[in-house]
């Protein structure tokens, strides 16, 4: 075993966990889960069977990553944030064949106590504020807040708010990294430096 597992954690047979990962107190990883390298699973985390977690993700305490959730590389899941996988659950009606896929793209942050309603895609390096409820797709680099969540700005890959309008044509340089971000319409992208 080339990852750390606390004695109180349960990792079911068949689960794959990458090198350098840390599985902390009272975690349960189901047998079908696929977890990358250098991932941190905080206290009381649950990871379902049909879950993919990319390298260097951080999943803080009390988060359940249910079936049909995919986290790409470097996703941050804040304490007690919530994923769902059925849109209209009922205890008396079996809906396991109605799970909706949720994808969180590379580098995105999901703040403490936020809720991600199933079936959405969170774009690369998006930032969902604490307590927000996301019920639709989120663009790359978008800063989201509120219930239901709405876009209130843009974030850099470094995690700093960018001084840009929500839409239009504009560009800005990140004060922390000197990376240039270009807004075209309602799409923001980071401009790669010339080689």
N, C-alpha and C. Protein backbone atom coordinates (compact mmCIF):
# COMPACT_ATOMS: atom_id res chain seq x y z
N UNK A 1 0.86 -1.18 0.00
CA UNK A 1 0.00 0.00 0.00
C UNK A 1 0.90 1.24 0.00
N UNK A 2 0.76 2.09 -1.03
CA UNK A 2 1.62 3.27 -1.14
C UNK A 2 0.85 4.56 -0.84
N UNK A 3 -0.19 4.44 -0.01
CA UNK A 3 -0.93 5.60 0.49
C UNK A 3 -1.15 5.39 1.98
N UNK A 4 -1.51 6.46 2.69
CA UNK A 4 -1.76 6.36 4.13
C UNK A 4 -3.24 6.08 4.38
N UNK A 5 -3.51 5.10 5.26
CA UNK A 5 -4.89 4.80 5.66
C UNK A 5 -4.95 4.77 7.18
N UNK A 6 -5.76 5.65 7.76
CA UNK A 6 -5.94 5.64 9.21
C UNK A 6 -6.60 4.33 9.63
N UNK A 7 -6.25 3.79 10.81
CA UNK A 7 -6.83 2.51 11.25
C UNK A 7 -8.36 2.48 11.31
N UNK A 8 -9.01 3.62 11.50
CA UNK A 8 -10.47 3.65 11.58
C UNK A 8 -11.14 3.71 10.21
N UNK A 9 -10.37 3.92 9.14
CA UNK A 9 -10.94 4.03 7.79
C UNK A 9 -11.25 2.65 7.22
N UNK A 10 -12.26 2.59 6.37
CA UNK A 10 -12.63 1.35 5.68
C UNK A 10 -12.44 1.58 4.19
N UNK A 11 -11.60 0.76 3.57
CA UNK A 11 -11.41 0.79 2.12
C UNK A 11 -11.80 -0.59 1.61
N UNK A 12 -12.93 -0.66 0.89
CA UNK A 12 -13.43 -1.95 0.42
C UNK A 12 -12.51 -2.54 -0.65
N UNK A 13 -12.51 -3.87 -0.70
CA UNK A 13 -11.70 -4.58 -1.68
C UNK A 13 -12.07 -4.13 -3.09
N UNK A 14 -11.06 -3.86 -3.90
CA UNK A 14 -11.27 -3.43 -5.28
C UNK A 14 -11.08 -1.94 -5.50
N UNK A 15 -11.16 -1.16 -4.44
CA UNK A 15 -10.95 0.29 -4.59
C UNK A 15 -9.51 0.54 -5.01
N UNK A 16 -9.32 1.51 -5.88
CA UNK A 16 -7.97 1.89 -6.30
C UNK A 16 -7.66 3.29 -5.79
N UNK A 17 -6.56 3.40 -5.05
CA UNK A 17 -6.16 4.67 -4.47
C UNK A 17 -4.70 4.92 -4.84
N UNK A 18 -4.42 6.09 -5.40
CA UNK A 18 -3.10 6.40 -5.92
C UNK A 18 -2.06 6.68 -4.85
N UNK A 19 -0.82 6.63 -5.27
CA UNK A 19 0.32 6.83 -4.38
C UNK A 19 0.27 8.20 -3.73
N UNK A 20 0.66 8.24 -2.46
CA UNK A 20 0.76 9.49 -1.73
C UNK A 20 -0.55 10.04 -1.21
N UNK A 21 -1.64 9.33 -1.44
CA UNK A 21 -2.94 9.79 -0.95
C UNK A 21 -3.05 9.53 0.55
N UNK A 22 -3.99 10.26 1.19
CA UNK A 22 -4.19 10.13 2.64
C UNK A 22 -5.68 9.92 2.90
N UNK A 23 -5.97 8.83 3.62
CA UNK A 23 -7.35 8.45 3.94
C UNK A 23 -7.48 8.55 5.45
N UNK A 24 -8.19 9.57 5.93
CA UNK A 24 -8.19 9.90 7.36
C UNK A 24 -9.30 9.20 8.14
N UNK A 25 -9.53 9.62 9.35
CA UNK A 25 -10.42 8.98 10.31
C UNK A 25 -11.83 8.75 9.75
N UNK A 26 -12.34 7.54 9.95
CA UNK A 26 -13.75 7.19 9.69
C UNK A 26 -14.17 7.37 8.23
N UNK A 27 -13.22 7.33 7.31
CA UNK A 27 -13.54 7.39 5.88
C UNK A 27 -14.03 6.01 5.44
N UNK A 28 -14.97 6.01 4.47
CA UNK A 28 -15.37 4.75 3.82
C UNK A 28 -15.25 4.94 2.31
N UNK A 29 -14.40 4.12 1.69
CA UNK A 29 -14.22 4.12 0.23
C UNK A 29 -14.79 2.81 -0.30
N UNK A 30 -15.79 2.88 -1.17
CA UNK A 30 -16.40 1.68 -1.74
C UNK A 30 -15.49 1.04 -2.79
N UNK A 31 -15.73 -0.25 -3.05
CA UNK A 31 -14.83 -1.05 -3.87
C UNK A 31 -14.67 -0.62 -5.31
N UNK A 32 -15.65 0.07 -5.88
CA UNK A 32 -15.54 0.50 -7.27
C UNK A 32 -14.89 1.86 -7.47
N UNK A 33 -14.56 2.55 -6.39
CA UNK A 33 -14.01 3.91 -6.48
C UNK A 33 -12.63 3.91 -7.11
N UNK A 34 -12.35 4.96 -7.88
CA UNK A 34 -11.04 5.16 -8.49
C UNK A 34 -10.53 6.53 -8.05
N UNK A 35 -9.45 6.52 -7.27
CA UNK A 35 -8.93 7.74 -6.64
C UNK A 35 -7.49 7.92 -7.08
N UNK A 36 -7.14 9.13 -7.49
CA UNK A 36 -5.82 9.43 -8.02
C UNK A 36 -4.74 9.56 -6.95
N UNK A 37 -3.61 10.12 -7.38
CA UNK A 37 -2.44 10.30 -6.53
C UNK A 37 -2.56 11.56 -5.69
N UNK A 38 -1.97 11.53 -4.50
CA UNK A 38 -1.86 12.69 -3.62
C UNK A 38 -3.22 13.33 -3.31
N UNK A 39 -4.22 12.50 -3.13
CA UNK A 39 -5.57 12.95 -2.77
C UNK A 39 -5.68 12.91 -1.25
N UNK A 40 -6.37 13.89 -0.66
CA UNK A 40 -6.63 13.88 0.77
C UNK A 40 -8.13 13.70 0.99
N UNK A 41 -8.49 12.63 1.72
CA UNK A 41 -9.87 12.38 2.10
C UNK A 41 -9.98 12.64 3.59
N UNK A 42 -10.62 13.74 3.97
CA UNK A 42 -10.72 14.16 5.36
C UNK A 42 -11.62 13.27 6.19
N UNK A 43 -11.70 13.58 7.46
CA UNK A 43 -12.48 12.78 8.41
C UNK A 43 -13.93 12.64 7.97
N UNK A 44 -14.45 11.40 8.05
CA UNK A 44 -15.86 11.11 7.80
C UNK A 44 -16.27 11.32 6.34
N UNK A 45 -15.36 11.13 5.40
CA UNK A 45 -15.68 11.21 3.97
C UNK A 45 -16.19 9.85 3.50
N UNK A 46 -17.19 9.87 2.63
CA UNK A 46 -17.70 8.67 1.97
C UNK A 46 -17.46 8.80 0.48
N UNK A 47 -16.96 7.73 -0.17
CA UNK A 47 -16.74 7.72 -1.62
C UNK A 47 -17.46 6.51 -2.20
N UNK A 48 -18.42 6.75 -3.08
CA UNK A 48 -19.23 5.68 -3.67
C UNK A 48 -18.49 4.84 -4.69
N UNK A 49 -19.18 3.81 -5.20
CA UNK A 49 -18.60 2.87 -6.16
C UNK A 49 -18.31 3.49 -7.51
N UNK A 50 -19.24 4.28 -8.02
CA UNK A 50 -19.11 4.85 -9.37
C UNK A 50 -18.60 6.28 -9.28
N UNK A 51 -17.42 6.42 -8.68
CA UNK A 51 -16.82 7.73 -8.45
C UNK A 51 -15.40 7.74 -9.01
N UNK A 52 -15.05 8.81 -9.70
CA UNK A 52 -13.69 9.03 -10.16
C UNK A 52 -13.18 10.31 -9.51
N UNK A 53 -12.03 10.21 -8.85
CA UNK A 53 -11.41 11.38 -8.21
C UNK A 53 -10.00 11.51 -8.77
N UNK A 54 -9.71 12.66 -9.38
CA UNK A 54 -8.41 12.89 -10.01
C UNK A 54 -7.31 13.17 -9.00
N UNK A 55 -6.10 13.28 -9.53
CA UNK A 55 -4.92 13.55 -8.70
C UNK A 55 -5.06 14.87 -7.95
N UNK A 56 -4.47 14.93 -6.77
CA UNK A 56 -4.31 16.13 -5.96
C UNK A 56 -5.62 16.83 -5.59
N UNK A 57 -6.70 16.07 -5.48
CA UNK A 57 -7.94 16.64 -4.96
C UNK A 57 -7.88 16.68 -3.44
N UNK A 58 -8.58 17.65 -2.85
CA UNK A 58 -8.70 17.74 -1.40
C UNK A 58 -10.18 17.71 -1.05
N UNK A 59 -10.58 16.67 -0.32
CA UNK A 59 -11.97 16.53 0.09
C UNK A 59 -11.99 16.65 1.60
N UNK A 60 -12.56 17.74 2.07
CA UNK A 60 -12.52 18.06 3.49
C UNK A 60 -13.53 17.23 4.28
N UNK A 61 -13.56 17.41 5.59
CA UNK A 61 -14.38 16.59 6.49
C UNK A 61 -15.87 16.60 6.12
N UNK A 62 -16.49 15.46 6.34
CA UNK A 62 -17.95 15.30 6.24
C UNK A 62 -18.52 15.50 4.85
N UNK A 63 -17.78 15.07 3.82
CA UNK A 63 -18.27 15.16 2.44
C UNK A 63 -18.56 13.74 1.94
N UNK A 64 -19.72 13.56 1.31
CA UNK A 64 -20.06 12.28 0.66
C UNK A 64 -20.01 12.49 -0.85
N UNK A 65 -19.16 11.72 -1.51
CA UNK A 65 -19.03 11.78 -2.97
C UNK A 65 -19.79 10.57 -3.50
N UNK A 66 -21.01 10.80 -3.95
CA UNK A 66 -21.91 9.71 -4.33
C UNK A 66 -21.65 9.24 -5.76
N UNK A 67 -22.28 8.08 -6.11
CA UNK A 67 -22.14 7.52 -7.45
C UNK A 67 -22.43 8.56 -8.52
N UNK A 68 -21.72 8.44 -9.64
CA UNK A 68 -21.87 9.27 -10.84
C UNK A 68 -21.27 10.66 -10.67
N UNK A 69 -20.41 10.85 -9.67
CA UNK A 69 -19.68 12.11 -9.52
C UNK A 69 -18.24 11.90 -10.00
N UNK A 70 -17.77 12.81 -10.84
CA UNK A 70 -16.39 12.80 -11.31
C UNK A 70 -15.73 14.11 -10.90
N UNK A 71 -14.60 14.00 -10.21
CA UNK A 71 -13.79 15.16 -9.85
C UNK A 71 -12.49 15.08 -10.63
N UNK A 72 -12.23 16.07 -11.47
CA UNK A 72 -10.97 16.08 -12.20
C UNK A 72 -9.83 16.52 -11.28
N UNK A 73 -8.64 16.65 -11.82
CA UNK A 73 -7.45 16.97 -11.04
C UNK A 73 -7.62 18.28 -10.25
N UNK A 74 -7.15 18.26 -9.00
CA UNK A 74 -7.03 19.47 -8.21
C UNK A 74 -8.32 20.11 -7.76
N UNK A 75 -9.39 19.34 -7.63
CA UNK A 75 -10.66 19.89 -7.13
C UNK A 75 -10.60 19.98 -5.61
N UNK A 76 -11.13 21.09 -5.07
CA UNK A 76 -11.22 21.29 -3.62
C UNK A 76 -12.69 21.21 -3.22
N UNK A 77 -13.01 20.30 -2.30
CA UNK A 77 -14.36 20.17 -1.76
C UNK A 77 -14.32 20.61 -0.31
N UNK A 78 -14.94 21.74 0.01
CA UNK A 78 -14.92 22.30 1.35
C UNK A 78 -15.70 21.47 2.35
N UNK A 79 -15.48 21.72 3.65
CA UNK A 79 -16.14 20.94 4.70
C UNK A 79 -17.65 20.91 4.55
N UNK A 80 -18.20 19.73 4.66
CA UNK A 80 -19.66 19.49 4.70
C UNK A 80 -20.39 19.94 3.44
N UNK A 81 -19.68 20.12 2.32
CA UNK A 81 -20.41 20.41 1.07
C UNK A 81 -21.12 19.13 0.63
N UNK A 82 -22.13 19.29 -0.25
CA UNK A 82 -23.02 18.18 -0.57
C UNK A 82 -23.12 17.96 -2.08
N UNK A 83 -22.99 16.68 -2.48
CA UNK A 83 -23.34 16.26 -3.82
C UNK A 83 -24.66 15.49 -3.75
N UNK A 84 -25.45 15.53 -4.83
CA UNK A 84 -26.62 14.66 -4.93
C UNK A 84 -26.45 13.84 -6.21
N UNK A 85 -27.24 12.78 -6.36
CA UNK A 85 -27.17 12.04 -7.63
C UNK A 85 -28.55 11.66 -8.19
N UNK A 86 -29.60 11.96 -7.44
CA UNK A 86 -30.97 11.79 -7.93
C UNK A 86 -31.67 13.14 -7.82
N UNK A 87 -32.36 13.55 -8.89
CA UNK A 87 -32.96 14.88 -8.92
C UNK A 87 -34.22 14.97 -8.07
N UNK A 88 -34.99 13.89 -8.02
CA UNK A 88 -36.26 13.92 -7.29
C UNK A 88 -36.39 12.68 -6.39
N UNK A 89 -35.57 12.56 -5.35
CA UNK A 89 -35.55 11.34 -4.54
C UNK A 89 -36.81 11.14 -3.71
N UNK A 90 -37.17 9.87 -3.55
CA UNK A 90 -38.24 9.45 -2.65
C UNK A 90 -37.77 8.15 -2.00
N UNK A 91 -37.98 8.01 -0.71
CA UNK A 91 -37.62 6.77 -0.03
C UNK A 91 -38.41 5.58 -0.55
N UNK A 92 -39.65 5.79 -0.95
CA UNK A 92 -40.52 4.69 -1.34
C UNK A 92 -40.43 4.33 -2.81
N UNK A 93 -39.61 5.06 -3.57
CA UNK A 93 -39.49 4.79 -5.01
C UNK A 93 -38.01 4.59 -5.34
N UNK A 94 -37.70 3.44 -5.95
CA UNK A 94 -36.32 3.12 -6.33
C UNK A 94 -35.93 3.93 -7.57
N UNK A 95 -34.84 4.69 -7.45
CA UNK A 95 -34.43 5.53 -8.58
C UNK A 95 -32.94 5.38 -8.91
N UNK A 96 -32.34 4.23 -8.57
CA UNK A 96 -30.91 4.04 -8.82
C UNK A 96 -30.57 4.06 -10.30
N UNK A 97 -31.55 3.80 -11.16
CA UNK A 97 -31.30 3.85 -12.60
C UNK A 97 -31.50 5.25 -13.16
N UNK A 98 -31.76 6.22 -12.28
CA UNK A 98 -31.96 7.61 -12.71
C UNK A 98 -30.85 8.54 -12.25
N UNK A 99 -29.74 7.97 -11.77
CA UNK A 99 -28.63 8.82 -11.33
C UNK A 99 -28.20 9.74 -12.47
N UNK A 100 -27.91 10.99 -12.12
CA UNK A 100 -27.43 11.96 -13.11
C UNK A 100 -25.95 12.22 -12.88
N UNK A 101 -25.20 12.33 -13.96
CA UNK A 101 -23.75 12.56 -13.87
C UNK A 101 -23.45 13.99 -13.45
N UNK A 102 -22.52 14.13 -12.54
CA UNK A 102 -22.01 15.44 -12.13
C UNK A 102 -20.52 15.44 -12.38
N UNK A 103 -20.03 16.49 -13.06
CA UNK A 103 -18.60 16.59 -13.38
C UNK A 103 -18.07 17.91 -12.84
N UNK A 104 -16.98 17.82 -12.08
CA UNK A 104 -16.30 19.02 -11.58
C UNK A 104 -14.94 19.05 -12.25
N UNK A 105 -14.73 20.08 -13.08
CA UNK A 105 -13.52 20.17 -13.89
C UNK A 105 -12.30 20.60 -13.07
N UNK A 106 -11.16 20.46 -13.70
CA UNK A 106 -9.85 20.69 -13.07
C UNK A 106 -9.79 22.01 -12.30
N UNK A 107 -9.28 21.93 -11.07
CA UNK A 107 -8.95 23.11 -10.29
C UNK A 107 -10.11 23.84 -9.66
N UNK A 108 -11.34 23.35 -9.81
CA UNK A 108 -12.50 24.06 -9.26
C UNK A 108 -12.52 23.96 -7.73
N UNK A 109 -13.14 24.97 -7.09
CA UNK A 109 -13.32 25.00 -5.64
C UNK A 109 -14.80 24.99 -5.32
N UNK A 110 -15.18 24.08 -4.42
CA UNK A 110 -16.56 23.99 -3.94
C UNK A 110 -16.53 24.35 -2.46
N UNK A 111 -17.05 25.51 -2.10
CA UNK A 111 -16.92 26.04 -0.76
C UNK A 111 -17.69 25.26 0.29
N UNK A 112 -17.35 25.51 1.55
CA UNK A 112 -17.97 24.83 2.68
C UNK A 112 -19.49 24.94 2.62
N UNK A 113 -20.17 23.84 2.88
CA UNK A 113 -21.63 23.77 2.96
C UNK A 113 -22.37 24.11 1.68
N UNK A 114 -21.68 24.18 0.55
CA UNK A 114 -22.42 24.39 -0.70
C UNK A 114 -23.08 23.07 -1.10
N UNK A 115 -24.06 23.16 -1.99
CA UNK A 115 -24.77 21.98 -2.50
C UNK A 115 -24.71 21.99 -4.02
N UNK A 116 -24.32 20.85 -4.59
CA UNK A 116 -24.25 20.71 -6.05
C UNK A 116 -25.36 19.74 -6.45
N UNK A 117 -26.40 20.28 -7.10
CA UNK A 117 -27.50 19.45 -7.56
C UNK A 117 -27.02 18.61 -8.74
N UNK A 118 -27.39 17.33 -8.76
CA UNK A 118 -26.87 16.39 -9.76
C UNK A 118 -27.19 16.83 -11.19
N UNK A 119 -26.33 16.37 -12.10
CA UNK A 119 -26.53 16.63 -13.53
C UNK A 119 -25.86 17.87 -14.06
N UNK A 120 -25.05 18.54 -13.25
CA UNK A 120 -24.38 19.76 -13.70
C UNK A 120 -22.90 19.52 -13.95
N UNK A 121 -22.30 20.44 -14.69
CA UNK A 121 -20.85 20.47 -14.88
C UNK A 121 -20.33 21.78 -14.33
N UNK A 122 -19.34 21.70 -13.47
CA UNK A 122 -18.67 22.87 -12.91
C UNK A 122 -17.40 23.06 -13.71
N UNK A 123 -17.23 24.23 -14.34
CA UNK A 123 -16.10 24.48 -15.23
C UNK A 123 -14.76 24.57 -14.52
N UNK A 124 -13.69 24.49 -15.30
CA UNK A 124 -12.32 24.57 -14.78
C UNK A 124 -12.12 25.83 -13.94
N UNK A 125 -11.52 25.65 -12.79
CA UNK A 125 -11.13 26.74 -11.89
C UNK A 125 -12.29 27.64 -11.46
N UNK A 126 -13.52 27.15 -11.63
CA UNK A 126 -14.67 27.88 -11.09
C UNK A 126 -14.58 27.89 -9.57
N UNK A 127 -15.30 28.81 -8.94
CA UNK A 127 -15.25 28.96 -7.48
C UNK A 127 -16.68 29.12 -6.98
N UNK A 128 -17.16 28.10 -6.27
CA UNK A 128 -18.51 28.12 -5.71
C UNK A 128 -18.39 28.53 -4.25
N UNK A 129 -19.02 29.65 -3.89
CA UNK A 129 -18.91 30.19 -2.55
C UNK A 129 -19.59 29.32 -1.50
N UNK A 130 -19.19 29.52 -0.25
CA UNK A 130 -19.75 28.76 0.87
C UNK A 130 -21.27 28.92 0.91
N UNK A 131 -21.98 27.81 1.08
CA UNK A 131 -23.42 27.82 1.24
C UNK A 131 -24.23 27.97 -0.03
N UNK A 132 -23.58 28.13 -1.18
CA UNK A 132 -24.32 28.29 -2.44
C UNK A 132 -25.00 26.98 -2.84
N UNK A 133 -26.07 27.10 -3.63
CA UNK A 133 -26.76 25.93 -4.17
C UNK A 133 -26.70 26.01 -5.69
N UNK A 134 -25.93 25.11 -6.30
CA UNK A 134 -25.72 25.13 -7.75
C UNK A 134 -26.69 24.17 -8.40
N UNK A 135 -27.55 24.69 -9.29
CA UNK A 135 -28.54 23.85 -9.95
C UNK A 135 -28.46 23.94 -11.47
N UNK A 136 -27.36 24.51 -11.99
CA UNK A 136 -27.14 24.55 -13.44
C UNK A 136 -25.63 24.61 -13.69
N UNK A 137 -25.24 24.39 -14.94
CA UNK A 137 -23.81 24.37 -15.28
C UNK A 137 -23.15 25.70 -14.91
N UNK A 138 -21.88 25.60 -14.57
CA UNK A 138 -21.10 26.77 -14.15
C UNK A 138 -19.94 26.95 -15.14
N UNK A 139 -19.77 28.16 -15.71
CA UNK A 139 -18.67 28.37 -16.65
C UNK A 139 -17.31 28.28 -15.98
N UNK A 140 -16.29 27.99 -16.77
CA UNK A 140 -14.91 28.01 -16.28
C UNK A 140 -14.60 29.38 -15.68
N UNK A 141 -13.91 29.39 -14.57
CA UNK A 141 -13.44 30.60 -13.86
C UNK A 141 -14.55 31.42 -13.19
N UNK A 142 -15.80 30.97 -13.27
CA UNK A 142 -16.91 31.75 -12.70
C UNK A 142 -16.88 31.72 -11.17
N UNK A 143 -17.22 32.85 -10.56
CA UNK A 143 -17.41 32.95 -9.11
C UNK A 143 -18.91 32.93 -8.87
N UNK A 144 -19.37 31.92 -8.10
CA UNK A 144 -20.80 31.70 -7.89
C UNK A 144 -21.14 31.88 -6.41
N UNK A 145 -22.31 32.46 -6.13
CA UNK A 145 -22.75 32.64 -4.75
C UNK A 145 -24.26 32.68 -4.71
N UNK A 146 -24.84 32.32 -3.56
CA UNK A 146 -26.27 32.49 -3.35
C UNK A 146 -27.09 31.22 -3.50
N UNK A 147 -28.40 31.39 -3.24
CA UNK A 147 -29.36 30.29 -3.31
C UNK A 147 -30.56 30.77 -4.13
N UNK A 148 -30.78 30.27 -5.35
CA UNK A 148 -29.83 29.43 -6.08
C UNK A 148 -28.60 30.25 -6.49
N UNK A 149 -27.52 29.55 -6.79
CA UNK A 149 -26.26 30.23 -7.11
C UNK A 149 -26.39 31.04 -8.40
N UNK A 150 -25.79 32.21 -8.36
CA UNK A 150 -25.69 33.03 -9.58
C UNK A 150 -24.27 33.54 -9.67
N UNK A 151 -23.86 33.86 -10.88
CA UNK A 151 -22.48 34.33 -11.06
C UNK A 151 -22.35 35.76 -10.59
N UNK A 152 -21.33 36.01 -9.75
CA UNK A 152 -21.09 37.37 -9.26
C UNK A 152 -19.72 37.90 -9.67
N UNK A 153 -18.95 37.10 -10.39
CA UNK A 153 -17.63 37.56 -10.82
C UNK A 153 -16.84 36.45 -11.47
N UNK A 154 -15.53 36.70 -11.58
CA UNK A 154 -14.59 35.75 -12.19
C UNK A 154 -13.42 35.55 -11.24
N UNK A 155 -12.84 34.33 -11.27
CA UNK A 155 -11.69 34.01 -10.42
C UNK A 155 -10.51 33.56 -11.27
N UNK A 156 -9.31 33.89 -10.80
CA UNK A 156 -8.10 33.41 -11.47
C UNK A 156 -7.80 31.99 -11.03
N UNK A 157 -6.88 31.34 -11.74
CA UNK A 157 -6.44 30.00 -11.33
C UNK A 157 -5.78 30.05 -9.96
N UNK A 158 -5.22 31.18 -9.60
CA UNK A 158 -4.56 31.34 -8.30
C UNK A 158 -5.58 31.45 -7.17
N UNK A 159 -6.83 31.79 -7.51
CA UNK A 159 -7.87 31.92 -6.50
C UNK A 159 -8.12 33.35 -6.06
N UNK A 160 -7.82 34.30 -6.93
CA UNK A 160 -8.06 35.72 -6.67
C UNK A 160 -9.19 36.21 -7.59
N UNK A 161 -10.07 37.08 -7.06
CA UNK A 161 -11.13 37.62 -7.89
C UNK A 161 -10.54 38.57 -8.92
N UNK A 162 -11.01 38.44 -10.15
CA UNK A 162 -10.52 39.27 -11.26
C UNK A 162 -11.48 40.44 -11.48
N UNK A 163 -10.92 41.60 -11.77
CA UNK A 163 -11.71 42.80 -12.00
C UNK A 163 -12.19 42.83 -13.45
N UNK A 164 -13.28 42.10 -13.70
CA UNK A 164 -13.84 41.98 -15.04
C UNK A 164 -15.36 42.07 -14.95
N UNK A 165 -16.02 42.56 -16.01
CA UNK A 165 -17.49 42.50 -16.04
C UNK A 165 -17.93 41.06 -16.24
N UNK A 166 -19.20 40.77 -15.98
CA UNK A 166 -19.70 39.40 -16.16
C UNK A 166 -19.70 38.98 -17.62
N UNK A 167 -19.88 39.95 -18.52
CA UNK A 167 -19.81 39.62 -19.94
C UNK A 167 -19.34 40.84 -20.72
N UNK A 168 -18.94 40.58 -21.96
CA UNK A 168 -18.42 41.64 -22.81
C UNK A 168 -17.05 41.25 -23.33
N UNK A 169 -16.26 42.26 -23.72
CA UNK A 169 -14.90 42.03 -24.20
C UNK A 169 -13.96 42.82 -23.31
N UNK A 170 -13.08 42.09 -22.63
CA UNK A 170 -12.14 42.74 -21.71
C UNK A 170 -11.01 41.77 -21.43
N UNK A 171 -9.94 42.31 -20.87
CA UNK A 171 -8.86 41.45 -20.41
C UNK A 171 -8.23 42.06 -19.18
N UNK A 172 -7.58 41.21 -18.39
CA UNK A 172 -6.96 41.65 -17.15
C UNK A 172 -5.77 40.75 -16.87
N UNK A 173 -4.81 41.31 -16.13
CA UNK A 173 -3.64 40.54 -15.71
C UNK A 173 -3.78 40.27 -14.22
N UNK A 174 -3.61 39.01 -13.83
CA UNK A 174 -3.67 38.63 -12.42
C UNK A 174 -2.50 39.27 -11.67
N UNK A 175 -2.81 40.01 -10.62
CA UNK A 175 -1.78 40.72 -9.86
C UNK A 175 -0.82 39.76 -9.17
N UNK A 176 -1.25 38.54 -8.87
CA UNK A 176 -0.41 37.59 -8.15
C UNK A 176 0.50 36.79 -9.05
N UNK A 177 0.06 36.49 -10.29
CA UNK A 177 0.83 35.57 -11.15
C UNK A 177 1.24 36.18 -12.49
N UNK A 178 0.70 37.35 -12.83
CA UNK A 178 0.94 38.00 -14.12
C UNK A 178 0.32 37.24 -15.29
N UNK A 179 -0.53 36.27 -15.01
CA UNK A 179 -1.24 35.57 -16.08
C UNK A 179 -2.31 36.50 -16.66
N UNK A 180 -2.50 36.43 -17.97
CA UNK A 180 -3.48 37.28 -18.65
C UNK A 180 -4.76 36.48 -18.89
N UNK A 181 -5.90 37.09 -18.54
CA UNK A 181 -7.21 36.48 -18.73
C UNK A 181 -8.00 37.33 -19.71
N UNK A 182 -8.64 36.66 -20.70
CA UNK A 182 -9.36 37.35 -21.76
C UNK A 182 -10.82 36.93 -21.73
N UNK A 183 -11.71 37.93 -21.64
CA UNK A 183 -13.16 37.70 -21.64
C UNK A 183 -13.71 38.01 -23.03
N UNK A 184 -14.42 37.04 -23.61
CA UNK A 184 -15.09 37.23 -24.90
C UNK A 184 -16.53 36.78 -24.72
N UNK A 185 -17.45 37.74 -24.70
CA UNK A 185 -18.85 37.42 -24.44
C UNK A 185 -19.02 37.00 -22.99
N UNK A 186 -19.40 35.74 -22.79
CA UNK A 186 -19.54 35.21 -21.43
C UNK A 186 -18.58 34.03 -21.21
N UNK A 187 -17.44 34.07 -21.92
CA UNK A 187 -16.43 33.01 -21.79
C UNK A 187 -15.10 33.63 -21.45
N UNK A 188 -14.50 33.13 -20.38
CA UNK A 188 -13.19 33.60 -19.94
C UNK A 188 -12.17 32.50 -20.16
N UNK A 189 -11.02 32.88 -20.70
CA UNK A 189 -9.93 31.91 -20.81
C UNK A 189 -8.61 32.57 -20.43
N UNK A 190 -7.70 31.74 -20.00
CA UNK A 190 -6.35 32.20 -19.65
C UNK A 190 -5.51 32.13 -20.91
N UNK A 191 -4.85 33.24 -21.23
CA UNK A 191 -4.00 33.29 -22.40
C UNK A 191 -2.65 32.70 -22.07
N UNK A 192 -2.24 31.74 -22.86
CA UNK A 192 -0.93 31.13 -22.61
C UNK A 192 0.15 32.06 -23.14
N UNK A 193 1.27 32.22 -22.41
CA UNK A 193 2.35 33.09 -22.88
C UNK A 193 2.99 32.53 -24.15
N UNK A 194 3.46 33.43 -24.98
CA UNK A 194 4.13 33.01 -26.22
C UNK A 194 5.41 32.25 -25.91
N UNK A 195 5.67 31.21 -26.70
CA UNK A 195 6.86 30.37 -26.45
C UNK A 195 8.13 31.04 -26.93
